[in-house]
């Protein structure tokens, strides 16, 4: 019995020792054995998944809202007396002629703006005067230009000048377009040279048509000009050549291209869109097929209903003067439809002209 009592006392003492040790470890933050919750915590990030990424995204969005980009405007088009001169201004000056009577010189400025801002326009000139500058809509302005009436005491003629056009948005972004001008100063009536007139016929061996893309192959034709869809489903363009050798050194006052229709071919030319006239330069020789790909400056765009052609645009005058000033012996033009594709109906549709019905009438001063 004493032995059993001893065993009981030892067992109770051992149990109390173990219980006391376990309680002490628990208070110190130790665990005697890993639980499922502890094992899960050891294998995961304490921070909830995705919390930092969401914070970063929100921060970027807020920064973008506060730092919104403001895009500048861009002046895309300059129109002078109804003609788009933007492309020509990239390589040469605008020639302004003076006469005894005041001329209307109207400029239209067209701009674009990615932000769809309403734009403000301003104009500065080196010579002359600006009148009636006003917006015609949120991105277009118009003004009148009055050229100076004076002859410089010395210097080059044409006398150099410029018009500087600016378009600005509400954020202070600005685009500037410089228009270079060549003035021909006005002179008094008693000094004014006499105006002469000449009518040039097309050079027959250098004038005709080029047919491209037809089933019968590419070819050239002289003596007559056909513009349109050919019978073999190709497309023909007209090419005119004028000898301007005798006009060396003159100042062109006016020029008119005239072509009387010989025949309207086919029953449908509406699909051909606009009739266009542009400069070309293939030289004093007969046409070649490769001449069809020569590009130049457009001087006119005529409606689809055009048959008899009469063109006296300022672009025609300026291009002719440019050729004279460059001492070239030929002024050459290309006439074509804006839609270069056949309607594939197996029949021709277009306009036909005879070379003897073509003329270029020029008024000039020596």
Protein backbone atom coordinates (compact mmCIF):
# COMPACT_ATOMS: atom_id res chain seq x y z
CA UNK A 1 0.00 0.00 0.00
CA UNK A 2 2.89 2.37 0.77
CA UNK A 3 4.39 1.39 -2.58
CA UNK A 4 1.18 2.20 -4.38
CA UNK A 5 0.92 5.41 -2.48
CA UNK A 6 4.47 6.33 -3.56
CA UNK A 7 3.63 5.68 -7.22
CA UNK A 8 0.56 7.85 -6.96
CA UNK A 9 2.53 10.71 -5.41
CA UNK A 10 5.24 10.49 -8.15
CA UNK A 11 2.62 10.45 -10.93
CA UNK A 12 0.86 13.51 -9.54
CA UNK A 13 4.20 15.38 -9.19
CA UNK A 14 5.22 14.53 -12.77
CA UNK A 15 1.86 15.70 -14.15
CA UNK A 16 2.08 18.97 -12.24
CA UNK A 17 5.64 19.59 -13.55
CA UNK A 18 4.64 19.02 -17.18
CA UNK A 19 1.52 21.18 -16.83
CA UNK A 20 3.55 24.01 -15.25
CA UNK A 21 6.18 23.89 -18.03
CA UNK A 22 3.53 23.97 -20.79
CA UNK A 23 1.81 26.96 -19.26
CA UNK A 24 5.12 28.83 -18.98
CA UNK A 25 6.03 28.17 -22.67
CA UNK A 26 2.61 29.33 -23.85
CA UNK A 27 3.04 32.62 -21.99
CA UNK A 28 6.42 33.14 -23.69
CA UNK A 29 4.99 32.68 -27.20
CA UNK A 30 6.31 29.17 -27.83
CA UNK A 31 4.23 26.30 -29.09
CA UNK A 32 4.94 22.78 -28.15
CA UNK A 33 3.64 21.47 -31.45
CA UNK A 34 2.63 23.21 -34.74
CA UNK A 35 -1.07 23.64 -35.25
CA UNK A 36 -2.81 23.78 -38.66
CA UNK A 37 -3.22 27.54 -38.28
CA UNK A 38 0.52 27.99 -37.52
CA UNK A 39 1.53 25.82 -40.49
CA UNK A 40 -0.69 27.92 -42.80
CA UNK A 41 0.79 31.16 -41.45
CA UNK A 42 4.34 29.90 -42.04
CA UNK A 43 3.59 29.24 -45.73
CA UNK A 44 1.85 32.61 -46.56
CA UNK A 45 2.60 36.33 -46.72
CA UNK A 46 1.09 38.12 -43.76
CA UNK A 47 -0.10 40.96 -46.05
CA UNK A 48 -3.39 40.08 -47.82
CA UNK A 49 -2.74 39.15 -51.47
CA UNK A 50 -3.04 42.05 -53.94
CA UNK A 51 -3.36 44.88 -51.41
CA UNK A 52 -0.13 46.74 -52.46
CA UNK A 53 -0.83 46.34 -56.20
CA UNK A 54 -4.26 47.91 -55.86
CA UNK A 55 -2.75 50.85 -54.01
CA UNK A 56 -0.15 51.35 -56.74
CA UNK A 57 -2.76 51.31 -59.53
CA UNK A 58 -4.91 53.87 -57.75
CA UNK A 59 -1.87 56.11 -57.27
CA UNK A 60 -0.96 55.95 -61.00
CA UNK A 61 -4.53 56.80 -62.05
CA UNK A 62 -4.63 59.78 -59.72
CA UNK A 63 -1.27 61.00 -61.00
CA UNK A 64 -2.44 60.72 -64.61
CA UNK A 65 -5.59 62.70 -63.82
CA UNK A 66 -3.53 65.46 -62.23
CA UNK A 67 -0.90 65.52 -65.02
CA UNK A 68 -3.19 65.41 -68.08
CA UNK A 69 -1.29 66.13 -71.31
CA UNK A 70 -2.29 69.22 -73.30
CA UNK A 71 -1.68 68.80 -77.04
CA UNK A 72 -0.72 71.77 -79.24
CA UNK A 73 -2.75 72.83 -82.28
CA UNK A 74 -1.46 72.32 -85.83
CA UNK A 75 -2.03 74.63 -88.81
CA UNK A 76 -2.77 72.25 -91.70
CA UNK A 77 -4.12 74.33 -94.59
CA UNK A 78 -3.55 77.79 -96.10
CA UNK A 79 -6.08 78.95 -98.71
CA UNK A 80 -5.45 82.07 -100.81
CA UNK A 81 -8.35 83.51 -102.81
CA UNK A 82 -10.06 80.12 -102.82
CA UNK A 83 -6.99 78.03 -103.82
CA UNK A 84 -5.21 75.63 -101.43
CA UNK A 85 -1.56 76.75 -101.53
CA UNK A 86 -0.29 74.71 -98.56
CA UNK A 87 1.81 72.26 -100.58
CA UNK A 88 3.39 74.93 -102.76
CA UNK A 89 4.38 77.04 -99.75
CA UNK A 90 6.62 74.20 -98.55
CA UNK A 91 9.03 74.82 -101.43
CA UNK A 92 8.50 78.34 -102.78
CA UNK A 93 7.20 81.82 -102.09
CA UNK A 94 3.75 83.21 -102.81
CA UNK A 95 4.00 85.76 -105.63
CA UNK A 96 1.76 88.80 -105.09
CA UNK A 97 1.27 91.14 -108.03
CA UNK A 98 0.37 94.81 -107.84
CA UNK A 99 -1.94 96.65 -110.19
CA UNK A 100 -3.42 100.13 -110.35
CA UNK A 101 -6.62 98.97 -108.62
CA UNK A 102 -6.81 97.38 -105.19
CA UNK A 103 -7.29 93.63 -105.24
CA UNK A 104 -9.02 91.41 -102.69
CA UNK A 105 -6.48 89.04 -101.18
CA UNK A 106 -8.32 86.71 -98.80
CA UNK A 107 -6.48 84.15 -96.69
CA UNK A 108 -8.18 81.26 -94.88
CA UNK A 109 -6.31 79.41 -92.13
CA UNK A 110 -7.42 75.92 -91.08
CA UNK A 111 -5.98 74.20 -88.00
CA UNK A 112 -6.51 70.97 -86.07
CA UNK A 113 -6.37 70.33 -82.32
CA UNK A 114 -6.39 66.89 -80.63
CA UNK A 115 -8.00 68.35 -77.49
CA UNK A 116 -10.85 69.89 -79.52
CA UNK A 117 -9.98 73.29 -78.09
CA UNK A 118 -11.32 76.52 -79.54
CA UNK A 119 -8.34 78.25 -81.11
CA UNK A 120 -7.27 81.86 -81.23
CA UNK A 121 -5.50 83.14 -84.36
CA UNK A 122 -3.05 86.00 -84.79
CA UNK A 123 -1.26 87.35 -87.88
CA UNK A 124 1.88 89.46 -88.28
CA UNK A 125 3.25 90.89 -91.55
CA UNK A 126 6.63 92.23 -92.55
CA UNK A 127 5.02 94.48 -95.17
CA UNK A 128 1.47 95.64 -95.74
CA UNK A 129 -1.59 95.47 -93.52
CA UNK A 130 -3.99 92.86 -92.11
CA UNK A 131 -7.72 93.62 -91.99
CA UNK A 132 -10.80 91.85 -90.63
CA UNK A 133 -9.11 88.89 -88.90
CA UNK A 134 -11.90 86.72 -87.47
CA UNK A 135 -12.75 83.10 -86.67
CA UNK A 136 -15.23 81.45 -89.01
CA UNK A 137 -15.44 78.46 -86.64
CA UNK A 138 -13.50 77.10 -83.65
CA UNK A 139 -10.48 76.05 -85.76
CA UNK A 140 -10.67 78.26 -88.86
CA UNK A 141 -9.89 81.93 -89.38
CA UNK A 142 -10.03 84.36 -92.29
CA UNK A 143 -8.41 87.72 -92.97
CA UNK A 144 -7.81 90.22 -95.76
CA UNK A 145 -4.31 91.29 -96.73
CA UNK A 146 -3.50 94.74 -98.12
CA UNK A 147 -0.10 94.79 -99.80
CA UNK A 148 2.20 97.82 -99.50
CA UNK A 149 2.25 100.40 -102.30
CA UNK A 150 5.91 101.22 -102.63
CA UNK A 151 9.02 100.42 -104.58
CA UNK A 152 12.12 99.70 -102.48
CA UNK A 153 15.01 102.03 -103.22
CA UNK A 154 17.22 99.04 -103.70
CA UNK A 155 17.05 95.30 -103.36
CA UNK A 156 15.80 92.29 -105.23
CA UNK A 157 12.61 92.15 -107.24
CA UNK A 158 10.43 90.29 -106.37
CA UNK A 159 10.88 92.10 -103.05
CA UNK A 160 10.91 89.58 -100.15
CA UNK A 161 8.33 89.67 -97.35
CA UNK A 162 6.37 87.37 -95.09
CA UNK A 163 3.09 86.73 -93.31
CA UNK A 164 3.32 84.85 -89.99
CA UNK A 165 0.16 83.06 -88.86
CA UNK A 166 -0.23 81.66 -85.31
CA UNK A 167 -2.88 79.37 -83.79
CA UNK A 168 -3.05 79.09 -79.97
CA UNK A 169 -5.17 77.10 -77.54
CA UNK A 170 -6.33 78.01 -74.03
CA UNK A 171 -3.30 76.24 -72.47
CA UNK A 172 -0.83 78.48 -74.27
CA UNK A 173 0.23 75.92 -76.89
CA UNK A 174 0.96 77.60 -80.23
CA UNK A 175 1.68 76.53 -83.82
CA UNK A 176 3.24 79.00 -86.28
CA UNK A 177 3.10 78.95 -90.10
CA UNK A 178 5.36 81.25 -92.14
CA UNK A 179 4.17 82.37 -95.57
CA UNK A 180 7.06 83.68 -97.68
CA UNK A 181 6.02 86.36 -100.19
CA UNK A 182 7.65 87.79 -103.30
CA UNK A 183 6.30 91.30 -103.97
CA UNK A 184 6.28 92.83 -107.44
CA UNK A 185 6.09 96.50 -106.41
CA UNK A 186 3.43 98.74 -107.88
CA UNK A 187 4.70 101.38 -110.27
CA UNK A 188 3.07 104.56 -111.48
CA UNK A 189 0.85 104.66 -114.55
CA UNK A 190 3.36 106.48 -116.78
CA UNK A 191 5.97 103.82 -115.97
CA UNK A 192 3.62 100.91 -116.52
CA UNK A 193 4.77 98.72 -119.43
CA UNK A 194 2.21 97.80 -122.02
CA UNK A 195 0.37 94.54 -121.54
CA UNK A 196 0.98 92.07 -124.35
CA UNK A 197 -1.08 89.00 -125.19
CA UNK A 198 0.02 85.75 -126.77
CA UNK A 199 -1.96 82.58 -127.48
CA UNK A 200 0.13 79.42 -127.50
CA UNK A 201 -0.91 76.22 -129.27
CA UNK A 202 0.14 72.85 -127.90
CA UNK A 203 3.22 71.26 -129.45
CA UNK A 204 1.65 68.41 -131.49
CA UNK A 205 4.44 65.83 -131.27
CA UNK A 206 4.70 66.34 -127.49
CA UNK A 207 0.95 66.37 -126.73
CA UNK A 208 -1.36 63.37 -126.43
CA UNK A 209 -2.54 60.60 -124.10
CA UNK A 210 -1.04 57.74 -122.12
CA UNK A 211 -3.15 54.62 -121.51
CA UNK A 212 -2.19 52.48 -118.51
CA UNK A 213 -3.42 49.15 -117.16
CA UNK A 214 -5.55 47.96 -120.07
CA UNK A 215 -5.76 44.43 -121.42
CA UNK A 216 -4.03 45.54 -124.65
CA UNK A 217 -1.02 46.91 -122.78
CA UNK A 218 0.29 50.38 -121.98
CA UNK A 219 0.69 52.82 -124.87
CA UNK A 220 0.94 56.50 -125.88
CA UNK A 221 -1.05 58.48 -128.46
CA UNK A 222 -0.35 61.89 -130.02
CA UNK A 223 -2.56 64.37 -131.85
CA UNK A 224 -5.62 63.86 -129.66
CA UNK A 225 -6.21 63.64 -125.93
CA UNK A 226 -8.51 61.15 -124.23
CA UNK A 227 -9.13 61.34 -120.48
CA UNK A 228 -10.98 58.45 -118.89
CA UNK A 229 -11.77 54.73 -118.86
CA UNK A 230 -10.46 53.07 -122.04
CA UNK A 231 -12.11 50.31 -124.06
CA UNK A 232 -9.65 47.70 -122.74
CA UNK A 233 -10.47 48.68 -119.12
CA UNK A 234 -7.36 50.81 -118.71
CA UNK A 235 -7.16 54.50 -117.74
CA UNK A 236 -6.01 57.32 -120.02
CA UNK A 237 -4.55 60.69 -119.02
CA UNK A 238 -3.95 63.74 -121.24
CA UNK A 239 -0.57 65.50 -121.45
CA UNK A 240 -0.10 69.00 -122.91
CA UNK A 241 3.15 70.72 -123.89
CA UNK A 242 3.60 74.45 -124.65
CA UNK A 243 6.76 76.12 -125.94
CA UNK A 244 7.46 79.16 -123.70
CA UNK A 245 10.95 79.99 -124.99
CA UNK A 246 9.83 83.41 -126.29
CA UNK A 247 8.45 84.40 -122.85
CA UNK A 248 11.85 84.51 -121.14
CA UNK A 249 12.05 87.34 -118.61
CA UNK A 250 8.39 88.46 -118.78
CA UNK A 251 6.01 89.06 -115.87
CA UNK A 252 2.78 87.12 -116.28
CA UNK A 253 -0.41 89.09 -115.59
CA UNK A 254 -2.94 86.38 -116.46
CA UNK A 255 -3.11 82.96 -118.11
CA UNK A 256 -6.05 80.90 -119.34
CA UNK A 257 -6.03 77.28 -120.51
CA UNK A 258 -8.84 76.55 -122.96
CA UNK A 259 -9.89 73.12 -124.32
CA UNK A 260 -13.02 72.69 -126.42
CA UNK A 261 -14.63 69.26 -126.12
CA UNK A 262 -14.51 67.07 -129.22
CA UNK A 263 -16.54 64.14 -127.89
CA UNK A 264 -18.06 62.86 -124.66
CA UNK A 265 -17.38 59.12 -124.87
CA UNK A 266 -19.62 56.48 -123.26
CA UNK A 267 -22.76 56.89 -121.20
CA UNK A 268 -21.37 57.22 -117.68
CA UNK A 269 -18.47 59.33 -116.40
CA UNK A 270 -19.88 60.01 -112.94
CA UNK A 271 -17.75 57.25 -111.38
CA UNK A 272 -14.59 59.11 -112.45
CA UNK A 273 -15.16 61.84 -109.81
CA UNK A 274 -13.26 65.14 -110.25
CA UNK A 275 -11.32 66.31 -113.30
CA UNK A 276 -7.88 67.52 -112.18
CA UNK A 277 -5.13 69.57 -113.84
CA UNK A 278 -1.54 69.45 -112.57
CA UNK A 279 1.92 70.39 -113.76
CA UNK A 280 4.27 67.79 -115.20
CA UNK A 281 7.73 67.92 -116.76
CA UNK A 282 8.80 65.37 -119.37
CA UNK A 283 10.76 67.76 -121.60
CA UNK A 284 10.82 68.66 -125.30
CA UNK A 285 10.20 65.18 -126.71
CA UNK A 286 7.36 62.79 -127.58
CA UNK A 287 5.46 61.09 -124.76
CA UNK A 288 6.65 57.89 -123.12
CA UNK A 289 4.58 55.49 -121.03
CA UNK A 290 6.76 56.22 -118.00
CA UNK A 291 5.71 59.89 -118.16
CA UNK A 292 2.34 58.88 -116.68
CA UNK A 293 3.98 58.50 -113.25
CA UNK A 294 5.49 62.01 -113.15
CA UNK A 295 3.94 64.05 -110.35
CA UNK A 296 3.55 67.82 -110.12
CA UNK A 297 1.59 70.57 -108.42
CA UNK A 298 -2.18 70.61 -108.85
CA UNK A 299 -3.48 73.84 -110.35
CA UNK A 300 -7.20 73.09 -110.62
CA UNK A 301 -9.95 70.62 -109.71
CA UNK A 302 -13.06 70.76 -111.90
CA UNK A 303 -16.51 69.20 -111.36
CA UNK A 304 -17.46 65.87 -112.91
CA UNK A 305 -19.87 67.62 -115.30
CA UNK A 306 -17.02 69.53 -117.00
CA UNK A 307 -16.69 69.16 -120.78
CA UNK A 308 -15.27 72.43 -122.16
CA UNK A 309 -12.28 73.36 -120.01
CA UNK A 310 -11.42 76.94 -119.10
CA UNK A 311 -8.90 77.39 -116.30
CA UNK A 312 -7.33 80.69 -115.21
CA UNK A 313 -6.54 79.92 -111.54
CA UNK A 314 -3.85 81.78 -109.64
CA UNK A 315 -2.03 78.46 -109.36
CA UNK A 316 -1.83 78.25 -113.17
CA UNK A 317 -0.36 81.78 -113.30
CA UNK A 318 2.12 81.08 -110.49
CA UNK A 319 3.30 77.77 -111.97
CA UNK A 320 3.75 79.35 -115.41
CA UNK A 321 5.72 82.23 -113.90
CA UNK A 322 7.88 79.78 -111.98
CA UNK A 323 8.79 77.96 -115.20
CA UNK A 324 9.58 81.26 -116.95
CA UNK A 325 11.76 82.40 -114.05
CA UNK A 326 13.63 79.08 -114.19
CA UNK A 327 14.40 79.67 -117.91
CA UNK A 328 12.76 76.42 -119.02
CA UNK A 329 11.54 76.10 -122.59
CA UNK A 330 8.41 74.03 -121.89
CA UNK A 331 5.29 74.46 -119.76
CA UNK A 332 3.58 71.06 -119.50
CA UNK A 333 0.31 69.93 -117.93
CA UNK A 334 -1.35 66.63 -117.06
CA UNK A 335 -5.16 66.20 -116.99
CA UNK A 336 -6.68 63.20 -115.23
CA UNK A 337 -9.65 61.97 -113.19
CA UNK A 338 -9.38 61.75 -109.41
CA UNK A 339 -10.66 58.14 -109.55
CA UNK A 340 -7.90 56.24 -111.39
CA UNK A 341 -9.88 52.98 -111.76
CA UNK A 342 -11.88 51.60 -114.68
CA UNK A 343 -15.47 50.46 -114.16
CA UNK A 344 -14.53 47.30 -116.14
CA UNK A 345 -17.60 47.42 -118.38
CA UNK A 346 -15.57 46.78 -121.54
CA UNK A 347 -16.41 50.19 -122.99
CA UNK A 348 -14.74 53.62 -122.89
CA UNK A 349 -16.11 56.40 -120.67
CA UNK A 350 -14.43 59.79 -120.78
CA UNK A 351 -13.67 63.04 -122.62
CA UNK A 352 -11.89 63.45 -125.96
CA UNK A 353 -10.13 66.60 -127.23
CA UNK A 354 -8.25 67.47 -130.42
CA UNK A 355 -4.86 69.14 -130.19
CA UNK A 356 -5.95 72.00 -132.47
CA UNK A 357 -8.70 72.90 -129.97
CA UNK A 358 -6.24 73.53 -127.12
CA UNK A 359 -4.68 76.92 -126.35
CA UNK A 360 -2.91 78.76 -123.54
CA UNK A 361 -3.59 82.52 -123.64
CA UNK A 362 -1.15 84.66 -121.66
CA UNK A 363 -1.12 88.36 -120.81
CA UNK A 364 2.27 89.64 -119.73
CA UNK A 365 4.53 92.67 -119.30
CA UNK A 366 8.09 92.85 -120.56
